[in-house]
Amino acid sequence: MDKVRIDKWLWAARFFKTRNMAKQAIEGGKVHCEGQRVKASKDLTVGLSLIIQQGWDKIEVEVKALSDKRRGAPEAQLLYEETEKSIAARKTAAEQRKAGGIMGVLSEHRPNKKQRRQIHRFKRIDTQANQDED
C-alpha cells in the first residue's frame, strides 16, 4: 500500500472514532497536511507531516506507516510519530490551563438577589467605561 485517503488513515490511526467525524474535522479546517488545508480525499504517503486539532490540543505528527483498517491502539500508534515540539507544547498548554483554573467551577451556588445587583452594576460600569474610551 503506497497511498491511502487521509480520512481513512485518521480513522485507522484512532484520532477520530468514525470516518465521518474525521471527514467533518478535515472539512472544518482542523487537519492540515504540510501546512495546507486538505480535502478528505487527499492521498497520504509515508513521511508527510500532519497537524491535527482536537479540542484544546494541536498535535503535530509524521506519518510512519499507512493503513486503511482500524486495529488496536498499540498497532495504531505505530502509524505515526508525534514531534517533540508538539509534545512539549501540549504539556505546557495543559499546565497553563490547570494553573489558570479555566476548567474549574466558578461558584458553588447561584448568586442571590444582592449579588446579582452587584454583578449588573459592575457590568454596567464596565460597559460605560468601554464606551467612554471610544
C-alpha atoms as a PDB file:
ATOM      1  CA  MET A   1       0.000   0.000   0.000  1.00  0.00           C
ATOM      2  CA  ASP A   2       1.635   3.258  -1.094  1.00  0.00           C
ATOM      3  CA  LYS A   3      -1.322   5.676  -0.736  1.00  0.00           C
ATOM      4  CA  VAL A   4      -4.394   5.922   1.476  1.00  0.00           C
ATOM      5  CA  ARG A   5      -7.086   8.565   1.889  1.00  0.00           C
ATOM      6  CA  ILE A   6      -6.453  10.936   4.781  1.00  0.00           C
ATOM      7  CA  ASP A   7      -9.883  10.388   6.352  1.00  0.00           C
ATOM      8  CA  LYS A   8      -9.354   6.607   6.367  1.00  0.00           C
ATOM      9  CA  TRP A   9      -5.871   6.991   7.840  1.00  0.00           C
ATOM     10  CA  LEU A  10      -7.047   9.336  10.624  1.00  0.00           C
ATOM     11  CA  TRP A  11      -9.757   6.821  11.498  1.00  0.00           C
ATOM     12  CA  ALA A  12      -7.332   3.867  11.360  1.00  0.00           C
ATOM     13  CA  ALA A  13      -4.776   5.765  13.494  1.00  0.00           C
ATOM     14  CA  ARG A  14      -7.549   6.321  16.075  1.00  0.00           C
ATOM     15  CA  PHE A  15      -7.544  10.114  16.029  1.00  0.00           C
ATOM     16  CA  PHE A  16     -11.293  10.015  15.368  1.00  0.00           C
ATOM     17  CA  LYS A  17     -13.943   7.497  16.348  1.00  0.00           C
ATOM     18  CA  THR A  18     -15.585   7.326  12.919  1.00  0.00           C
ATOM     19  CA  ARG A  19     -14.605   8.173   9.350  1.00  0.00           C
ATOM     20  CA  ASN A  20     -17.457  10.661   9.264  1.00  0.00           C
ATOM     21  CA  MET A  21     -16.006  12.532  12.261  1.00  0.00           C
ATOM     22  CA  ALA A  22     -12.609  12.548  10.543  1.00  0.00           C
ATOM     23  CA  LYS A  23     -14.198  13.926   7.374  1.00  0.00           C
ATOM     24  CA  GLN A  24     -16.014  16.662   9.321  1.00  0.00           C
ATOM     25  CA  ALA A  25     -12.784  17.677  11.059  1.00  0.00           C
ATOM     26  CA  ILE A  26     -10.977  17.867   7.723  1.00  0.00           C
ATOM     27  CA  GLU A  27     -13.754  19.946   6.158  1.00  0.00           C
ATOM     28  CA  GLY A  28     -13.790  22.184   9.253  1.00  0.00           C
ATOM     29  CA  GLY A  29     -10.110  23.023   8.813  1.00  0.00           C
ATOM     30  CA  LYS A  30      -8.931  21.058  11.865  1.00  0.00           C
ATOM     31  CA  VAL A  31      -6.471  18.952   9.843  1.00  0.00           C
ATOM     32  CA  HIS A  32      -3.534  20.350   7.853  1.00  0.00           C
ATOM     33  CA  CYS A  33      -1.057  18.438   5.730  1.00  0.00           C
ATOM     34  CA  GLU A  34       2.330  20.079   5.189  1.00  0.00           C
ATOM     35  CA  GLY A  35       0.841  23.358   6.452  1.00  0.00           C
ATOM     36  CA  GLN A  36      -2.070  23.379   3.964  1.00  0.00           C
ATOM     37  CA  ARG A  37      -5.764  22.626   4.420  1.00  0.00           C
ATOM     38  CA  VAL A  38      -6.738  19.394   2.710  1.00  0.00           C
ATOM     39  CA  LYS A  39      -9.790  17.568   1.451  1.00  0.00           C
ATOM     40  CA  ALA A  40     -10.917  14.191   2.789  1.00  0.00           C
ATOM     41  CA  SER A  41      -9.911  12.517  -0.472  1.00  0.00           C
ATOM     42  CA  LYS A  42      -6.237  13.614  -0.187  1.00  0.00           C
ATOM     43  CA  ASP A  43      -3.875  10.671  -0.582  1.00  0.00           C
ATOM     44  CA  LEU A  44      -1.321  10.310   2.199  1.00  0.00           C
ATOM     45  CA  THR A  45       2.142   8.889   1.741  1.00  0.00           C
ATOM     46  CA  VAL A  46       4.771   7.953   4.303  1.00  0.00           C
ATOM     47  CA  GLY A  47       6.812  10.908   5.543  1.00  0.00           C
ATOM     48  CA  LEU A  48       4.155  13.626   5.345  1.00  0.00           C
ATOM     49  CA  SER A  49       3.561  15.812   8.393  1.00  0.00           C
ATOM     50  CA  LEU A  50       0.061  16.489   9.718  1.00  0.00           C
ATOM     51  CA  ILE A  51      -1.288  18.991  12.220  1.00  0.00           C
ATOM     52  CA  ILE A  52      -4.479  17.752  13.875  1.00  0.00           C
ATOM     53  CA  GLN A  53      -6.507  19.961  16.214  1.00  0.00           C
ATOM     54  CA  GLN A  54      -8.591  18.099  18.786  1.00  0.00           C
ATOM     55  CA  GLY A  55     -10.273  20.222  21.415  1.00  0.00           C
ATOM     56  CA  TRP A  56      -7.644  22.368  23.120  1.00  0.00           C
ATOM     57  CA  ASP A  57      -4.698  20.490  21.635  1.00  0.00           C
ATOM     58  CA  LYS A  58      -2.861  20.754  18.326  1.00  0.00           C
ATOM     59  CA  ILE A  59      -0.989  17.558  17.591  1.00  0.00           C
ATOM     60  CA  GLU A  60       1.813  17.550  15.026  1.00  0.00           C
ATOM     61  CA  VAL A  61       2.606  14.067  13.719  1.00  0.00           C
ATOM     62  CA  GLU A  62       4.697  12.489  10.993  1.00  0.00           C
ATOM     63  CA  VAL A  63       3.166   9.613   9.021  1.00  0.00           C
ATOM     64  CA  LYS A  64       5.311   6.486   9.574  1.00  0.00           C
ATOM     65  CA  ALA A  65       3.078   3.811   8.016  1.00  0.00           C
ATOM     66  CA  LEU A  66      -0.174   3.549   6.085  1.00  0.00           C
ATOM     67  CA  SER A  67      -3.305   1.580   6.887  1.00  0.00           C
ATOM     68  CA  ASP A  68      -6.953   1.777   5.931  1.00  0.00           C
ATOM     69  CA  LYS A  69      -8.058  -0.781   8.524  1.00  0.00           C
ATOM     70  CA  ARG A  70      -8.796   0.126  12.137  1.00  0.00           C
ATOM     71  CA  ARG A  71      -6.948  -2.092  14.579  1.00  0.00           C
ATOM     72  CA  GLY A  72      -5.993  -1.952  18.245  1.00  0.00           C
ATOM     73  CA  ALA A  73      -4.437   1.121  19.832  1.00  0.00           C
ATOM     74  CA  PRO A  74      -0.893  -0.337  20.058  1.00  0.00           C
ATOM     75  CA  GLU A  75      -0.907  -1.022  16.310  1.00  0.00           C
ATOM     76  CA  ALA A  76      -2.458   2.372  15.557  1.00  0.00           C
ATOM     77  CA  GLN A  77       0.352   4.156  17.409  1.00  0.00           C
ATOM     78  CA  LEU A  78       2.854   2.587  15.027  1.00  0.00           C
ATOM     79  CA  LEU A  79       1.277   4.504  12.127  1.00  0.00           C
ATOM     80  CA  TYR A  80       2.590   7.886  13.302  1.00  0.00           C
ATOM     81  CA  GLU A  81       5.134   9.639  15.487  1.00  0.00           C
ATOM     82  CA  GLU A  82       4.366  12.854  17.342  1.00  0.00           C
ATOM     83  CA  THR A  83       7.081  15.500  17.183  1.00  0.00           C
ATOM     84  CA  GLU A  84       8.970  16.548  20.331  1.00  0.00           C
ATOM     85  CA  LYS A  85       7.913  20.156  19.755  1.00  0.00           C
ATOM     86  CA  SER A  86       4.244  19.120  19.706  1.00  0.00           C
ATOM     87  CA  ILE A  87       4.550  17.069  22.902  1.00  0.00           C
ATOM     88  CA  ALA A  88       6.221  19.967  24.743  1.00  0.00           C
ATOM     89  CA  ALA A  89       3.634  22.486  23.505  1.00  0.00           C
ATOM     90  CA  ARG A  90       0.722  20.269  24.596  1.00  0.00           C
ATOM     91  CA  LYS A  91       2.244  19.762  28.067  1.00  0.00           C
ATOM     92  CA  THR A  92       2.817  23.480  28.637  1.00  0.00           C
ATOM     93  CA  ALA A  93      -0.687  24.337  27.410  1.00  0.00           C
ATOM     94  CA  ALA A  94      -2.182  21.728  29.766  1.00  0.00           C
ATOM     95  CA  GLU A  95      -0.182  23.111  32.695  1.00  0.00           C
ATOM     96  CA  GLN A  96      -1.332  26.652  31.887  1.00  0.00           C
ATOM     97  CA  ARG A  97      -4.965  25.537  31.748  1.00  0.00           C
ATOM     98  CA  LYS A  98      -4.612  23.818  35.118  1.00  0.00           C
ATOM     99  CA  ALA A  99      -2.837  26.793  36.688  1.00  0.00           C
ATOM    100  CA  GLY A 100      -5.362  29.269  35.298  1.00  0.00           C
ATOM    101  CA  GLY A 101      -8.322  27.317  36.585  1.00  0.00           C
ATOM    102  CA  ILE A 102     -10.181  27.638  33.289  1.00  0.00           C
ATOM    103  CA  MET A 103     -11.911  24.315  33.816  1.00  0.00           C
ATOM    104  CA  GLY A 104     -12.765  24.972  37.476  1.00  0.00           C
ATOM    105  CA  VAL A 105     -16.165  25.699  38.948  1.00  0.00           C
ATOM    106  CA  LEU A 106     -16.737  29.419  39.328  1.00  0.00           C
ATOM    107  CA  SER A 107     -19.365  29.212  42.041  1.00  0.00           C
ATOM    108  CA  GLU A 108     -20.887  26.584  44.270  1.00  0.00           C
ATOM    109  CA  HIS A 109     -24.362  28.162  44.054  1.00  0.00           C
ATOM    110  CA  ARG A 110     -26.444  30.669  42.154  1.00  0.00           C
ATOM    111  CA  PRO A 111     -25.993  34.321  43.139  1.00  0.00           C
ATOM    112  CA  ASN A 112     -28.628  35.769  45.458  1.00  0.00           C
ATOM    113  CA  LYS A 113     -30.521  38.973  44.747  1.00  0.00           C
ATOM    114  CA  LYS A 114     -27.890  41.256  46.259  1.00  0.00           C
ATOM    115  CA  GLN A 115     -25.057  39.549  44.362  1.00  0.00           C
ATOM    116  CA  ARG A 116     -26.985  39.783  41.059  1.00  0.00           C
ATOM    117  CA  ARG A 117     -27.441  43.530  41.587  1.00  0.00           C
ATOM    118  CA  GLN A 118     -23.718  43.886  42.222  1.00  0.00           C
ATOM    119  CA  ILE A 119     -22.927  41.919  39.064  1.00  0.00           C
ATOM    120  CA  HIS A 120     -25.301  44.056  36.975  1.00  0.00           C
ATOM    121  CA  ARG A 121     -23.852  47.248  38.487  1.00  0.00           C
ATOM    122  CA  PHE A 122     -20.314  46.081  37.735  1.00  0.00           C
ATOM    123  CA  LYS A 123     -21.177  45.159  34.150  1.00  0.00           C
ATOM    124  CA  ARG A 124     -22.928  48.493  33.608  1.00  0.00           C
ATOM    125  CA  ILE A 125     -19.891  50.414  34.905  1.00  0.00           C
ATOM    126  CA  ASP A 126     -17.553  48.296  32.785  1.00  0.00           C
ATOM    127  CA  THR A 127     -19.552  48.831  29.563  1.00  0.00           C
ATOM    128  CA  GLN A 128     -19.811  52.583  30.251  1.00  0.00           C
ATOM    129  CA  ALA A 129     -16.042  52.792  30.704  1.00  0.00           C
ATOM    130  CA  ASN A 130     -15.510  50.989  27.388  1.00  0.00           C
ATOM    131  CA  GLN A 131     -17.896  53.369  25.617  1.00  0.00           C
ATOM    132  CA  ASP A 132     -16.115  56.396  27.082  1.00  0.00           C
ATOM    133  CA  GLU A 133     -12.797  55.140  25.665  1.00  0.00           C
ATOM    134  CA  ASP A 134     -14.244  55.009  22.135  1.00  0.00           C
END
